[in-house]
Amino acid sequence: MSTELTALVVAVKNTSSVSVLSTCCVCNFLQPLDDALKTELETALKSFVKQGEKLLLTAKVDPAIIGGMIVSIGDKYVDMSIASKVKKYTDIITAVV
């Protein structure tokens, strides 16, 4: 079983016995977050969670993103990675005009 799938199964098991609603959030970073940055990120992301719901944050390291971050929270997905920007501009430069 992949690491992502294992993390998802554990998160679902942990929330299935709890009566509090929760929202899963997965963030990809180039490097591991220190505690202060993780706390700051959780605080910022809680504004996207409905009142009374709990945020379940999973921070993953993904060197392929080159820099920046990718955030998936609930049904929202934001790719702020350097890799996506490099691809976008490469596509623009190589497009036939």
PDB file of N, CA and C in Angstrom:
ATOM      1  N   MET A   1       0.857  -1.174   0.000  1.00  0.00           N
ATOM      2  CA  MET A   1       0.000   0.000   0.000  1.00  0.00           C
ATOM      3  C   MET A   1       0.903   1.237   0.000  1.00  0.00           C
ATOM      4  N   SER A   2       0.583   2.245  -0.816  1.00  0.00           N
ATOM      5  CA  SER A   2       1.404   3.447  -0.898  1.00  0.00           C
ATOM      6  C   SER A   2       1.316   4.244   0.402  1.00  0.00           C
ATOM      7  N   THR A   3       2.297   5.093   0.604  1.00  0.00           N
ATOM      8  CA  THR A   3       2.345   5.925   1.805  1.00  0.00           C
ATOM      9  C   THR A   3       1.137   6.848   1.867  1.00  0.00           C
ATOM     10  N   GLU A   4       0.748   7.433   0.711  1.00  0.00           N
ATOM     11  CA  GLU A   4      -0.407   8.329   0.676  1.00  0.00           C
ATOM     12  C   GLU A   4      -1.672   7.579   1.070  1.00  0.00           C
ATOM     13  N   LEU A   5      -1.850   6.408   0.511  1.00  0.00           N
ATOM     14  CA  LEU A   5      -3.042   5.624   0.799  1.00  0.00           C
ATOM     15  C   LEU A   5      -3.073   5.196   2.259  1.00  0.00           C
ATOM     16  N   THR A   6      -1.931   4.810   2.787  1.00  0.00           N
ATOM     17  CA  THR A   6      -1.846   4.427   4.191  1.00  0.00           C
ATOM     18  C   THR A   6      -2.225   5.599   5.088  1.00  0.00           C
ATOM     19  N   ALA A   7      -1.710   6.794   4.762  1.00  0.00           N
ATOM     20  CA  ALA A   7      -2.022   7.989   5.554  1.00  0.00           C
ATOM     21  C   ALA A   7      -3.510   8.305   5.490  1.00  0.00           C
ATOM     22  N   LEU A   8      -4.105   8.132   4.316  1.00  0.00           N
ATOM     23  CA  LEU A   8      -5.533   8.387   4.169  1.00  0.00           C
ATOM     24  C   LEU A   8      -6.356   7.403   4.982  1.00  0.00           C
ATOM     25  N   VAL A   9      -5.990   6.129   4.937  1.00  0.00           N
ATOM     26  CA  VAL A   9      -6.714   5.105   5.704  1.00  0.00           C
ATOM     27  C   VAL A   9      -6.618   5.392   7.193  1.00  0.00           C
ATOM     28  N   VAL A  10      -5.436   5.752   7.662  1.00  0.00           N
ATOM     29  CA  VAL A  10      -5.250   6.068   9.083  1.00  0.00           C
ATOM     30  C   VAL A  10      -6.095   7.277   9.462  1.00  0.00           C
ATOM     31  N   ALA A  11      -6.110   8.296   8.609  1.00  0.00           N
ATOM     32  CA  ALA A  11      -6.902   9.496   8.902  1.00  0.00           C
ATOM     33  C   ALA A  11      -8.389   9.171   8.970  1.00  0.00           C
ATOM     34  N   VAL A  12      -8.867   8.350   8.037  1.00  0.00           N
ATOM     35  CA  VAL A  12     -10.285   7.981   8.039  1.00  0.00           C
ATOM     36  C   VAL A  12     -10.621   7.152   9.273  1.00  0.00           C
ATOM     37  N   LYS A  13      -9.747   6.210   9.627  1.00  0.00           N
ATOM     38  CA  LYS A  13      -9.992   5.399  10.823  1.00  0.00           C
ATOM     39  C   LYS A  13     -10.037   6.273  12.072  1.00  0.00           C
ATOM     40  N   ASN A  14      -9.130   7.243  12.133  1.00  0.00           N
ATOM     41  CA  ASN A  14      -9.080   8.109  13.307  1.00  0.00           C
ATOM     42  C   ASN A  14     -10.309   9.002  13.418  1.00  0.00           C
ATOM     43  N   THR A  15     -10.894   9.377  12.296  1.00  0.00           N
ATOM     44  CA  THR A  15     -12.044  10.272  12.346  1.00  0.00           C
ATOM     45  C   THR A  15     -13.365   9.540  12.367  1.00  0.00           C
ATOM     46  N   SER A  16     -13.383   8.268  11.984  1.00  0.00           N
ATOM     47  CA  SER A  16     -14.661   7.564  11.917  1.00  0.00           C
ATOM     48  C   SER A  16     -15.279   7.336  13.287  1.00  0.00           C
ATOM     49  N   SER A  17     -14.462   7.270  14.317  1.00  0.00           N
ATOM     50  CA  SER A  17     -15.000   7.051  15.652  1.00  0.00           C
ATOM     51  C   SER A  17     -15.236   8.351  16.408  1.00  0.00           C
ATOM     52  N   VAL A  18     -14.936   9.469  15.774  1.00  0.00           N
ATOM     53  CA  VAL A  18     -15.095  10.767  16.413  1.00  0.00           C
ATOM     54  C   VAL A  18     -16.342  11.433  15.854  1.00  0.00           C
ATOM     55  N   SER A  19     -17.114  12.069  16.714  1.00  0.00           N
ATOM     56  CA  SER A  19     -18.353  12.698  16.267  1.00  0.00           C
ATOM     57  C   SER A  19     -18.108  14.060  15.625  1.00  0.00           C
ATOM     58  N   VAL A  20     -16.909  14.607  15.741  1.00  0.00           N
ATOM     59  CA  VAL A  20     -16.581  15.911  15.176  1.00  0.00           C
ATOM     60  C   VAL A  20     -16.310  15.751  13.676  1.00  0.00           C
ATOM     61  N   LEU A  21     -16.889  16.624  12.871  1.00  0.00           N
ATOM     62  CA  LEU A  21     -16.615  16.610  11.444  1.00  0.00           C
ATOM     63  C   LEU A  21     -15.198  17.105  11.203  1.00  0.00           C
ATOM     64  N   SER A  22     -14.569  16.598  10.144  1.00  0.00           N
ATOM     65  CA  SER A  22     -13.214  17.028   9.869  1.00  0.00           C
ATOM     66  C   SER A  22     -13.000  17.168   8.375  1.00  0.00           C
ATOM     67  N   THR A  23     -11.993  17.956   8.017  1.00  0.00           N
ATOM     68  CA  THR A  23     -11.606  18.185   6.637  1.00  0.00           C
ATOM     69  C   THR A  23     -10.145  17.779   6.485  1.00  0.00           C
ATOM     70  N   CYS A  24      -9.889  16.921   5.503  1.00  0.00           N
ATOM     71  CA  CYS A  24      -8.518  16.477   5.244  1.00  0.00           C
ATOM     72  C   CYS A  24      -7.798  17.502   4.374  1.00  0.00           C
ATOM     73  N   CYS A  25      -6.548  17.726   4.679  1.00  0.00           N
ATOM     74  CA  CYS A  25      -5.720  18.638   3.909  1.00  0.00           C
ATOM     75  C   CYS A  25      -4.353  17.994   3.714  1.00  0.00           C
ATOM     76  N   VAL A  26      -3.900  17.939   2.463  1.00  0.00           N
ATOM     77  CA  VAL A  26      -2.576  17.405   2.160  1.00  0.00           C
ATOM     78  C   VAL A  26      -1.771  18.529   1.523  1.00  0.00           C
ATOM     79  N   CYS A  27      -0.592  18.793   2.061  1.00  0.00           N
ATOM     80  CA  CYS A  27       0.294  19.824   1.532  1.00  0.00           C
ATOM     81  C   CYS A  27       1.629  19.193   1.169  1.00  0.00           C
ATOM     82  N   ASN A  28       2.114  19.502  -0.017  1.00  0.00           N
ATOM     83  CA  ASN A  28       3.421  19.005  -0.470  1.00  0.00           C
ATOM     84  C   ASN A  28       4.423  20.145  -0.429  1.00  0.00           C
ATOM     85  N   PHE A  29       5.606  19.849   0.109  1.00  0.00           N
ATOM     86  CA  PHE A  29       6.672  20.836   0.233  1.00  0.00           C
ATOM     87  C   PHE A  29       7.983  20.235  -0.245  1.00  0.00           C
ATOM     88  N   LEU A  30       8.946  21.098  -0.539  1.00  0.00           N
ATOM     89  CA  LEU A  30      10.268  20.643  -0.930  1.00  0.00           C
ATOM     90  C   LEU A  30      11.016  20.037   0.251  1.00  0.00           C
ATOM     91  N   GLN A  31      10.843  20.648   1.421  1.00  0.00           N
ATOM     92  CA  GLN A  31      11.541  20.205   2.633  1.00  0.00           C
ATOM     93  C   GLN A  31      10.533  20.026   3.763  1.00  0.00           C
ATOM     94  N   PRO A  32      10.900  19.258   4.778  1.00  0.00           N
ATOM     95  CA  PRO A  32      10.004  19.122   5.939  1.00  0.00           C
ATOM     96  C   PRO A  32       9.778  20.471   6.621  1.00  0.00           C
ATOM     97  N   LEU A  33       8.592  20.663   7.164  1.00  0.00           N
ATOM     98  CA  LEU A  33       8.284  21.902   7.879  1.00  0.00           C
ATOM     99  C   LEU A  33       8.742  21.810   9.324  1.00  0.00           C
ATOM    100  N   ASP A  34       9.251  22.926   9.851  1.00  0.00           N
ATOM    101  CA  ASP A  34       9.540  22.948  11.284  1.00  0.00           C
ATOM    102  C   ASP A  34       8.215  23.209  12.011  1.00  0.00           C
ATOM    103  N   ASP A  35       8.221  23.048  13.303  1.00  0.00           N
ATOM    104  CA  ASP A  35       6.987  23.162  14.093  1.00  0.00           C
ATOM    105  C   ASP A  35       6.329  24.528  13.962  1.00  0.00           C
ATOM    106  N   ALA A  36       7.134  25.591  13.940  1.00  0.00           N
ATOM    107  CA  ALA A  36       6.575  26.945  13.853  1.00  0.00           C
ATOM    108  C   ALA A  36       5.865  27.157  12.520  1.00  0.00           C
ATOM    109  N   LEU A  37       6.470  26.724  11.417  1.00  0.00           N
ATOM    110  CA  LEU A  37       5.839  26.862  10.111  1.00  0.00           C
ATOM    111  C   LEU A  37       4.589  26.005   9.989  1.00  0.00           C
ATOM    112  N   LYS A  38       4.629  24.804  10.553  1.00  0.00           N
ATOM    113  CA  LYS A  38       3.460  23.922  10.500  1.00  0.00           C
ATOM    114  C   LYS A  38       2.297  24.548  11.264  1.00  0.00           C
ATOM    115  N   THR A  39       2.570  25.132  12.417  1.00  0.00           N
ATOM    116  CA  THR A  39       1.534  25.799  13.198  1.00  0.00           C
ATOM    117  C   THR A  39       0.958  26.986  12.434  1.00  0.00           C
ATOM    118  N   GLU A  40       1.832  27.768  11.799  1.00  0.00           N
ATOM    119  CA  GLU A  40       1.390  28.923  11.021  1.00  0.00           C
ATOM    120  C   GLU A  40       0.523  28.475   9.838  1.00  0.00           C
ATOM    121  N   LEU A  41       0.922  27.395   9.172  1.00  0.00           N
ATOM    122  CA  LEU A  41       0.150  26.864   8.057  1.00  0.00           C
ATOM    123  C   LEU A  41      -1.218  26.369   8.520  1.00  0.00           C
ATOM    124  N   GLU A  42      -1.255  25.628   9.622  1.00  0.00           N
ATOM    125  CA  GLU A  42      -2.527  25.138  10.157  1.00  0.00           C
ATOM    126  C   GLU A  42      -3.464  26.291  10.478  1.00  0.00           C
ATOM    127  N   THR A  43      -2.937  27.351  11.061  1.00  0.00           N
ATOM    128  CA  THR A  43      -3.742  28.524  11.393  1.00  0.00           C
ATOM    129  C   THR A  43      -4.335  29.139  10.132  1.00  0.00           C
ATOM    130  N   ALA A  44      -3.520  29.279   9.084  1.00  0.00           N
ATOM    131  CA  ALA A  44      -4.001  29.859   7.827  1.00  0.00           C
ATOM    132  C   ALA A  44      -5.041  28.971   7.162  1.00  0.00           C
ATOM    133  N   LEU A  45      -4.825  27.662   7.176  1.00  0.00           N
ATOM    134  CA  LEU A  45      -5.729  26.740   6.496  1.00  0.00           C
ATOM    135  C   LEU A  45      -7.052  26.548   7.230  1.00  0.00           C
ATOM    136  N   LYS A  46      -7.065  26.800   8.542  1.00  0.00           N
ATOM    137  CA  LYS A  46      -8.302  26.653   9.308  1.00  0.00           C
ATOM    138  C   LYS A  46      -9.377  27.623   8.836  1.00  0.00           C
ATOM    139  N   SER A  47      -8.976  28.704   8.164  1.00  0.00           N
ATOM    140  CA  SER A  47      -9.970  29.650   7.653  1.00  0.00           C
ATOM    141  C   SER A  47     -10.766  29.059   6.489  1.00  0.00           C
ATOM    142  N   PHE A  48     -10.285  27.961   5.901  1.00  0.00           N
ATOM    143  CA  PHE A  48     -10.984  27.298   4.804  1.00  0.00           C
ATOM    144  C   PHE A  48     -11.888  26.166   5.295  1.00  0.00           C
ATOM    145  N   VAL A  49     -11.859  25.899   6.589  1.00  0.00           N
ATOM    146  CA  VAL A  49     -12.640  24.811   7.177  1.00  0.00           C
ATOM    147  C   VAL A  49     -13.886  25.402   7.817  1.00  0.00           C
ATOM    148  N   LYS A  50     -15.014  24.728   7.640  1.00  0.00           N
ATOM    149  CA  LYS A  50     -16.266  25.202   8.224  1.00  0.00           C
ATOM    150  C   LYS A  50     -16.158  25.220   9.741  1.00  0.00           C
ATOM    151  N   GLN A  51     -16.876  26.146  10.351  1.00  0.00           N
ATOM    152  CA  GLN A  51     -16.863  26.254  11.802  1.00  0.00           C
ATOM    153  C   GLN A  51     -17.355  24.949  12.416  1.00  0.00           C
ATOM    154  N   GLY A  52     -16.647  24.482  13.417  1.00  0.00           N
ATOM    155  CA  GLY A  52     -16.995  23.242  14.086  1.00  0.00           C
ATOM    156  C   GLY A  52     -16.297  22.023  13.514  1.00  0.00           C
ATOM    157  N   GLU A  53     -15.625  22.187  12.363  1.00  0.00           N
ATOM    158  CA  GLU A  53     -14.885  21.075  11.771  1.00  0.00           C
ATOM    159  C   GLU A  53     -13.426  21.126  12.204  1.00  0.00           C
ATOM    160  N   LYS A  54     -12.793  19.972  12.189  1.00  0.00           N
ATOM    161  CA  LYS A  54     -11.394  19.856  12.571  1.00  0.00           C
ATOM    162  C   LYS A  54     -10.549  19.693  11.298  1.00  0.00           C
ATOM    163  N   LEU A  55      -9.403  20.344  11.256  1.00  0.00           N
ATOM    164  CA  LEU A  55      -8.481  20.234  10.123  1.00  0.00           C
ATOM    165  C   LEU A  55      -7.502  19.094  10.381  1.00  0.00           C
ATOM    166  N   LEU A  56      -7.436  18.151   9.458  1.00  0.00           N
ATOM    167  CA  LEU A  56      -6.472  17.053   9.536  1.00  0.00           C
ATOM    168  C   LEU A  56      -5.394  17.305   8.503  1.00  0.00           C
ATOM    169  N   LEU A  57      -4.276  17.867   8.935  1.00  0.00           N
ATOM    170  CA  LEU A  57      -3.204  18.270   8.027  1.00  0.00           C
ATOM    171  C   LEU A  57      -2.156  17.182   7.887  1.00  0.00           C
ATOM    172  N   THR A  58      -1.830  16.849   6.645  1.00  0.00           N
ATOM    173  CA  THR A  58      -0.734  15.945   6.338  1.00  0.00           C
ATOM    174  C   THR A  58       0.268  16.719   5.502  1.00  0.00           C
ATOM    175  N   ALA A  59       1.470  16.886   6.023  1.00  0.00           N
ATOM    176  CA  ALA A  59       2.529  17.587   5.299  1.00  0.00           C
ATOM    177  C   ALA A  59       3.480  16.553   4.718  1.00  0.00           C
ATOM    178  N   LYS A  60       3.651  16.593   3.393  1.00  0.00           N
ATOM    179  CA  LYS A  60       4.498  15.623   2.714  1.00  0.00           C
ATOM    180  C   LYS A  60       5.670  16.319   2.044  1.00  0.00           C
ATOM    181  N   VAL A  61       6.783  15.621   1.946  1.00  0.00           N
ATOM    182  CA  VAL A  61       7.966  16.133   1.251  1.00  0.00           C
ATOM    183  C   VAL A  61       7.963  15.555  -0.157  1.00  0.00           C
ATOM    184  N   ASP A  62       8.084  16.442  -1.157  1.00  0.00           N
ATOM    185  CA  ASP A  62       8.100  16.032  -2.554  1.00  0.00           C
ATOM    186  C   ASP A  62       9.132  16.869  -3.312  1.00  0.00           C
ATOM    187  N   PRO A  63      10.355  16.346  -3.481  1.00  0.00           N
ATOM    188  CA  PRO A  63      11.412  17.104  -4.163  1.00  0.00           C
ATOM    189  C   PRO A  63      11.065  17.469  -5.605  1.00  0.00           C
ATOM    190  N   ALA A  64      10.127  16.776  -6.214  1.00  0.00           N
ATOM    191  CA  ALA A  64       9.767  17.041  -7.614  1.00  0.00           C
ATOM    192  C   ALA A  64       9.112  18.407  -7.798  1.00  0.00           C
ATOM    193  N   ILE A  65       8.618  19.022  -6.727  1.00  0.00           N
ATOM    194  CA  ILE A  65       7.948  20.318  -6.894  1.00  0.00           C
ATOM    195  C   ILE A  65       8.955  21.465  -7.019  1.00  0.00           C
ATOM    196  N   ILE A  66      10.226  21.214  -6.777  1.00  0.00           N
ATOM    197  CA  ILE A  66      11.345  22.153  -6.888  1.00  0.00           C
ATOM    198  C   ILE A  66      11.292  23.238  -5.811  1.00  0.00           C
ATOM    199  N   GLY A  67      10.143  23.753  -5.496  1.00  0.00           N
ATOM    200  CA  GLY A  67       9.966  24.786  -4.482  1.00  0.00           C
ATOM    201  C   GLY A  67       8.498  25.144  -4.406  1.00  0.00           C
ATOM    202  N   GLY A  68       8.127  26.008  -3.472  1.00  0.00           N
ATOM    203  CA  GLY A  68       6.729  26.375  -3.312  1.00  0.00           C
ATOM    204  C   GLY A  68       5.963  25.289  -2.579  1.00  0.00           C
ATOM    205  N   MET A  69       4.661  25.173  -2.869  1.00  0.00           N
ATOM    206  CA  MET A  69       3.865  24.133  -2.234  1.00  0.00           C
ATOM    207  C   MET A  69       2.636  23.815  -3.059  1.00  0.00           C
ATOM    208  N   ILE A  70       2.075  22.647  -2.801  1.00  0.00           N
ATOM    209  CA  ILE A  70       0.815  22.218  -3.390  1.00  0.00           C
ATOM    210  C   ILE A  70      -0.120  21.912  -2.228  1.00  0.00           C
ATOM    211  N   VAL A  71      -1.314  22.500  -2.261  1.00  0.00           N
ATOM    212  CA  VAL A  71      -2.273  22.322  -1.175  1.00  0.00           C
ATOM    213  C   VAL A  71      -3.559  21.717  -1.728  1.00  0.00           C
ATOM    214  N   SER A  72      -4.003  20.659  -1.094  1.00  0.00           N
ATOM    215  CA  SER A  72      -5.278  20.035  -1.427  1.00  0.00           C
ATOM    216  C   SER A  72      -6.085  19.981  -0.134  1.00  0.00           C
ATOM    217  N   ILE A  73      -7.191  20.726  -0.104  1.00  0.00           N
ATOM    218  CA  ILE A  73      -8.016  20.767   1.096  1.00  0.00           C
ATOM    219  C   ILE A  73      -9.469  20.622   0.688  1.00  0.00           C
ATOM    220  N   GLY A  74     -10.092  19.586   1.187  1.00  0.00           N
ATOM    221  CA  GLY A  74     -11.466  19.307   0.780  1.00  0.00           C
ATOM    222  C   GLY A  74     -11.531  19.113  -0.720  1.00  0.00           C
ATOM    223  N   ASP A  75     -12.360  19.900  -1.394  1.00  0.00           N
ATOM    224  CA  ASP A  75     -12.469  19.799  -2.848  1.00  0.00           C
ATOM    225  C   ASP A  75     -11.658  20.870  -3.574  1.00  0.00           C
ATOM    226  N   LYS A  76     -10.803  21.565  -2.859  1.00  0.00           N
ATOM    227  CA  LYS A  76      -9.979  22.625  -3.449  1.00  0.00           C
ATOM    228  C   LYS A  76      -8.545  22.128  -3.660  1.00  0.00           C
ATOM    229  N   TYR A  77      -7.919  22.596  -4.743  1.00  0.00           N
ATOM    230  CA  TYR A  77      -6.555  22.195  -5.077  1.00  0.00           C
ATOM    231  C   TYR A  77      -5.825  23.428  -5.598  1.00  0.00           C
ATOM    232  N   VAL A  78      -4.699  23.776  -4.966  1.00  0.00           N
ATOM    233  CA  VAL A  78      -3.914  24.924  -5.390  1.00  0.00           C
ATOM    234  C   VAL A  78      -2.467  24.478  -5.573  1.00  0.00           C
ATOM    235  N   ASP A  79      -1.956  24.659  -6.789  1.00  0.00           N
ATOM    236  CA  ASP A  79      -0.580  24.278  -7.106  1.00  0.00           C
ATOM    237  C   ASP A  79       0.256  25.543  -7.221  1.00  0.00           C
ATOM    238  N   MET A  80       1.041  25.822  -6.182  1.00  0.00           N
ATOM    239  CA  MET A  80       1.923  26.986  -6.162  1.00  0.00           C
ATOM    240  C   MET A  80       3.383  26.549  -6.260  1.00  0.00           C
ATOM    241  N   SER A  81       3.604  25.408  -6.902  1.00  0.00           N
ATOM    242  CA  SER A  81       4.958  24.864  -6.985  1.00  0.00           C
ATOM    243  C   SER A  81       5.740  25.519  -8.114  1.00  0.00           C
ATOM    244  N   ILE A  82       7.046  25.523  -7.963  1.00  0.00           N
ATOM    245  CA  ILE A  82       7.935  26.034  -9.007  1.00  0.00           C
ATOM    246  C   ILE A  82       7.853  25.123 -10.232  1.00  0.00           C
ATOM    247  N   ALA A  83       7.713  23.821 -10.015  1.00  0.00           N
ATOM    248  CA  ALA A  83       7.643  22.870 -11.124  1.00  0.00           C
ATOM    249  C   ALA A  83       6.472  23.188 -12.054  1.00  0.00           C
ATOM    250  N   SER A  84       5.320  23.538 -11.497  1.00  0.00           N
ATOM    251  CA  SER A  84       4.165  23.856 -12.350  1.00  0.00           C
ATOM    252  C   SER A  84       4.388  25.154 -13.128  1.00  0.00           C
ATOM    253  N   LYS A  85       5.074  26.115 -12.510  1.00  0.00           N
ATOM    254  CA  LYS A  85       5.367  27.369 -13.201  1.00  0.00           C
ATOM    255  C   LYS A  85       6.381  27.147 -14.325  1.00  0.00           C
ATOM    256  N   VAL A  86       7.394  26.322 -14.064  1.00  0.00           N
ATOM    257  CA  VAL A  86       8.390  26.004 -15.095  1.00  0.00           C
ATOM    258  C   VAL A  86       7.689  25.338 -16.274  1.00  0.00           C
ATOM    259  N   LYS A  87       6.794  24.401 -15.999  1.00  0.00           N
ATOM    260  CA  LYS A  87       6.071  23.718 -17.072  1.00  0.00           C
ATOM    261  C   LYS A  87       5.206  24.695 -17.849  1.00  0.00           C
ATOM    262  N   LYS A  88       4.515  25.573 -17.138  1.00  0.00           N
ATOM    263  CA  LYS A  88       3.637  26.553 -17.790  1.00  0.00           C
ATOM    264  C   LYS A  88       4.429  27.441 -18.742  1.00  0.00           C
ATOM    265  N   TYR A  89       5.552  27.994 -18.262  1.00  0.00           N
ATOM    266  CA  TYR A  89       6.332  28.892 -19.102  1.00  0.00           C
ATOM    267  C   TYR A  89       7.067  28.152 -20.218  1.00  0.00           C
ATOM    268  N   THR A  90       7.465  26.920 -19.969  1.00  0.00           N
ATOM    269  CA  THR A  90       8.078  26.107 -21.025  1.00  0.00           C
ATOM    270  C   THR A  90       7.065  25.860 -22.138  1.00  0.00           C
ATOM    271  N   ASP A  91       5.822  25.550 -21.753  1.00  0.00           N
ATOM    272  CA  ASP A  91       4.761  25.337 -22.738  1.00  0.00           C
ATOM    273  C   ASP A  91       4.504  26.604 -23.557  1.00  0.00           C
ATOM    274  N   ILE A  92       4.521  27.755 -22.897  1.00  0.00           N
ATOM    275  CA  ILE A  92       4.290  29.027 -23.596  1.00  0.00           C
ATOM    276  C   ILE A  92       5.413  29.320 -24.582  1.00  0.00           C
ATOM    277  N   ILE A  93       6.663  29.112 -24.118  1.00  0.00           N
ATOM    278  CA  ILE A  93       7.818  29.395 -24.971  1.00  0.00           C
ATOM    279  C   ILE A  93       7.869  28.485 -26.186  1.00  0.00           C
ATOM    280  N   THR A  94       7.511  27.221 -25.982  1.00  0.00           N
ATOM    281  CA  THR A  94       7.615  26.249 -27.074  1.00  0.00           C
ATOM    282  C   THR A  94       6.359  26.183 -27.955  1.00  0.00           C
ATOM    283  N   ALA A  95       5.307  26.910 -27.567  1.00  0.00           N
ATOM    284  CA  ALA A  95       4.075  26.881 -28.361  1.00  0.00           C
ATOM    285  C   ALA A  95       4.298  27.579 -29.695  1.00  0.00           C
ATOM    286  N   VAL A  96       3.668  27.038 -30.711  1.00  0.00           N
ATOM    287  CA  VAL A  96       3.751  27.639 -32.028  1.00  0.00           C
ATOM    288  C   VAL A  96       2.829  28.844 -32.060  1.00  0.00           C
ATOM    289  N   VAL A  97       3.393  29.975 -32.455  1.00  0.00           N
ATOM    290  CA  VAL A  97       2.619  31.211 -32.464  1.00  0.00           C
ATOM    291  C   VAL A  97       1.968  31.429 -33.806  1.00  0.00           C
TER     292      VAL A  97
END
